[in-house]
Amino acid sequence: MDLAWPFLFLALFGALLGLLYDHARQTKKLMWSLDALHRRVGLLVSHFKLDEGLANWQKLALDPSSSKIHVIKAYMDETGSGLADADRAVKNWLGQR
């Protein structure tokens, strides 16, 4: 009975490593798919000129790789407004989209 525990531990450890490897492989595949989708959406936006007439902070807000903090900072830089006003304006604009 004492010899069974190390083998059981090794079997469980191996199963866990297999699950982790599979999860990492699927995550990598998903990230590749999201990157490909992001490139295609960018091509469609530029092809149909959907970003014309937008301010730079609005274009930044439409970019899925940009964070809300960067958008708010860009809004503040372009308009000279304070943090509270910029936060409110960005939230309102994103809510209307």
C-alpha atoms as a PDB file:
ATOM      1  CA  MET A   1       0.000   0.000   0.000  1.00  0.00           C
ATOM      2  CA  ASP A   2       2.863   2.391   0.717  1.00  0.00           C
ATOM      3  CA  LEU A   3       4.189   2.038  -2.832  1.00  0.00           C
ATOM      4  CA  ALA A   4       0.854   3.063  -4.362  1.00  0.00           C
ATOM      5  CA  TRP A   5       0.966   6.670  -3.088  1.00  0.00           C
ATOM      6  CA  PRO A   6       3.964   7.833  -5.145  1.00  0.00           C
ATOM      7  CA  PHE A   7       2.470   6.343  -8.304  1.00  0.00           C
ATOM      8  CA  LEU A   8      -0.897   7.920  -7.579  1.00  0.00           C
ATOM      9  CA  PHE A   9       0.779  11.272  -6.978  1.00  0.00           C
ATOM     10  CA  LEU A  10       2.733  11.005 -10.235  1.00  0.00           C
ATOM     11  CA  ALA A  11      -0.411  10.052 -12.155  1.00  0.00           C
ATOM     12  CA  LEU A  12      -2.341  13.030 -10.739  1.00  0.00           C
ATOM     13  CA  PHE A  13       0.598  15.354 -11.357  1.00  0.00           C
ATOM     14  CA  GLY A  14       0.836  14.154 -14.952  1.00  0.00           C
ATOM     15  CA  ALA A  15      -2.879  14.672 -15.471  1.00  0.00           C
ATOM     16  CA  LEU A  16      -2.601  18.200 -14.064  1.00  0.00           C
ATOM     17  CA  LEU A  17       0.305  19.019 -16.372  1.00  0.00           C
ATOM     18  CA  GLY A  18      -1.696  17.719 -19.320  1.00  0.00           C
ATOM     19  CA  LEU A  19      -4.648  19.929 -18.421  1.00  0.00           C
ATOM     20  CA  LEU A  20      -2.403  22.977 -18.025  1.00  0.00           C
ATOM     21  CA  TYR A  21      -0.750  22.332 -21.381  1.00  0.00           C
ATOM     22  CA  ASP A  22      -4.121  21.983 -23.107  1.00  0.00           C
ATOM     23  CA  HIS A  23      -5.386  25.192 -21.490  1.00  0.00           C
ATOM     24  CA  ALA A  24      -2.271  27.107 -22.602  1.00  0.00           C
ATOM     25  CA  ARG A  25      -2.620  25.786 -26.139  1.00  0.00           C
ATOM     26  CA  GLN A  26      -6.286  26.806 -26.335  1.00  0.00           C
ATOM     27  CA  THR A  27      -5.529  30.241 -24.870  1.00  0.00           C
ATOM     28  CA  LYS A  28      -2.812  30.814 -27.470  1.00  0.00           C
ATOM     29  CA  LYS A  29      -5.204  29.789 -30.241  1.00  0.00           C
ATOM     30  CA  LEU A  30      -7.873  32.169 -28.909  1.00  0.00           C
ATOM     31  CA  MET A  31      -5.416  35.068 -28.700  1.00  0.00           C
ATOM     32  CA  TRP A  32      -4.341  34.423 -32.288  1.00  0.00           C
ATOM     33  CA  SER A  33      -7.984  34.458 -33.385  1.00  0.00           C
ATOM     34  CA  LEU A  34      -8.642  37.725 -31.543  1.00  0.00           C
ATOM     35  CA  ASP A  35      -5.583  39.348 -33.113  1.00  0.00           C
ATOM     36  CA  ALA A  36      -6.715  38.260 -36.569  1.00  0.00           C
ATOM     37  CA  LEU A  37     -10.205  39.620 -35.911  1.00  0.00           C
ATOM     38  CA  HIS A  38      -8.760  42.921 -34.674  1.00  0.00           C
ATOM     39  CA  ARG A  39      -6.719  43.290 -37.880  1.00  0.00           C
ATOM     40  CA  ARG A  40      -9.769  42.573 -40.044  1.00  0.00           C
ATOM     41  CA  VAL A  41     -11.941  45.078 -38.196  1.00  0.00           C
ATOM     42  CA  GLY A  42      -9.185  47.669 -38.587  1.00  0.00           C
ATOM     43  CA  LEU A  43      -9.082  47.010 -42.320  1.00  0.00           C
ATOM     44  CA  LEU A  44     -12.859  47.380 -42.598  1.00  0.00           C
ATOM     45  CA  VAL A  45     -12.847  50.623 -40.616  1.00  0.00           C
ATOM     46  CA  SER A  46     -10.131  52.122 -42.799  1.00  0.00           C
ATOM     47  CA  HIS A  47     -11.662  50.790 -46.040  1.00  0.00           C
ATOM     48  CA  PHE A  48     -15.095  52.244 -45.368  1.00  0.00           C
ATOM     49  CA  LYS A  49     -13.567  55.381 -43.785  1.00  0.00           C
ATOM     50  CA  LEU A  50     -15.597  54.899 -40.630  1.00  0.00           C
ATOM     51  CA  ASP A  51     -13.070  56.792 -38.567  1.00  0.00           C
ATOM     52  CA  GLU A  52     -13.241  60.047 -40.558  1.00  0.00           C
ATOM     53  CA  GLY A  53     -14.638  62.992 -38.688  1.00  0.00           C
ATOM     54  CA  LEU A  54     -13.696  61.562 -35.309  1.00  0.00           C
ATOM     55  CA  ALA A  55     -11.367  63.219 -32.851  1.00  0.00           C
ATOM     56  CA  ASN A  56      -8.147  61.407 -31.990  1.00  0.00           C
ATOM     57  CA  TRP A  57      -9.483  60.392 -28.553  1.00  0.00           C
ATOM     58  CA  GLN A  58     -12.567  58.887 -30.226  1.00  0.00           C
ATOM     59  CA  LYS A  59     -10.399  56.862 -32.611  1.00  0.00           C
ATOM     60  CA  LEU A  60      -8.390  55.729 -29.610  1.00  0.00           C
ATOM     61  CA  ALA A  61     -11.616  54.750 -27.820  1.00  0.00           C
ATOM     62  CA  LEU A  62     -12.628  52.573 -30.765  1.00  0.00           C
ATOM     63  CA  ASP A  63      -9.314  50.723 -30.663  1.00  0.00           C
ATOM     64  CA  PRO A  64      -9.841  47.542 -28.597  1.00  0.00           C
ATOM     65  CA  SER A  65      -6.204  47.480 -27.536  1.00  0.00           C
ATOM     66  CA  SER A  66      -6.366  50.903 -25.858  1.00  0.00           C
ATOM     67  CA  SER A  67      -7.384  51.332 -22.244  1.00  0.00           C
ATOM     68  CA  LYS A  68     -10.004  53.727 -20.947  1.00  0.00           C
ATOM     69  CA  ILE A  69      -7.341  55.612 -18.993  1.00  0.00           C
ATOM     70  CA  HIS A  70      -5.433  56.378 -22.205  1.00  0.00           C
ATOM     71  CA  VAL A  71      -8.641  57.565 -23.859  1.00  0.00           C
ATOM     72  CA  ILE A  72      -9.435  59.881 -20.941  1.00  0.00           C
ATOM     73  CA  LYS A  73      -5.891  61.268 -20.996  1.00  0.00           C
ATOM     74  CA  ALA A  74      -6.132  61.874 -24.754  1.00  0.00           C
ATOM     75  CA  TYR A  75      -9.466  63.658 -24.234  1.00  0.00           C
ATOM     76  CA  MET A  76      -7.908  65.857 -21.544  1.00  0.00           C
ATOM     77  CA  ASP A  77      -4.937  66.670 -23.789  1.00  0.00           C
ATOM     78  CA  GLU A  78      -7.143  67.581 -26.766  1.00  0.00           C
ATOM     79  CA  THR A  79      -9.789  69.589 -24.931  1.00  0.00           C
ATOM     80  CA  GLY A  80      -7.935  70.935 -21.897  1.00  0.00           C
ATOM     81  CA  SER A  81     -10.701  69.692 -19.587  1.00  0.00           C
ATOM     82  CA  GLY A  82     -10.253  68.240 -16.120  1.00  0.00           C
ATOM     83  CA  LEU A  83     -10.292  64.601 -15.096  1.00  0.00           C
ATOM     84  CA  ALA A  84     -13.924  64.476 -13.962  1.00  0.00           C
ATOM     85  CA  ASP A  85     -15.218  66.143 -17.135  1.00  0.00           C
ATOM     86  CA  ALA A  86     -13.061  63.942 -19.347  1.00  0.00           C
ATOM     87  CA  ASP A  87     -14.195  60.783 -17.569  1.00  0.00           C
ATOM     88  CA  ARG A  88     -17.853  61.784 -17.893  1.00  0.00           C
ATOM     89  CA  ALA A  89     -17.490  62.727 -21.577  1.00  0.00           C
ATOM     90  CA  VAL A  90     -15.718  59.490 -22.507  1.00  0.00           C
ATOM     91  CA  LYS A  91     -18.281  57.388 -20.619  1.00  0.00           C
ATOM     92  CA  ASN A  92     -21.143  59.213 -22.311  1.00  0.00           C
ATOM     93  CA  TRP A  93     -19.609  58.858 -25.759  1.00  0.00           C
ATOM     94  CA  LEU A  94     -18.873  55.162 -25.259  1.00  0.00           C
ATOM     95  CA  GLY A  95     -22.412  54.610 -23.941  1.00  0.00           C
ATOM     96  CA  GLN A  96     -23.891  56.084 -27.119  1.00  0.00           C
ATOM     97  CA  ARG A  97     -21.887  53.762 -29.376  1.00  0.00           C
END
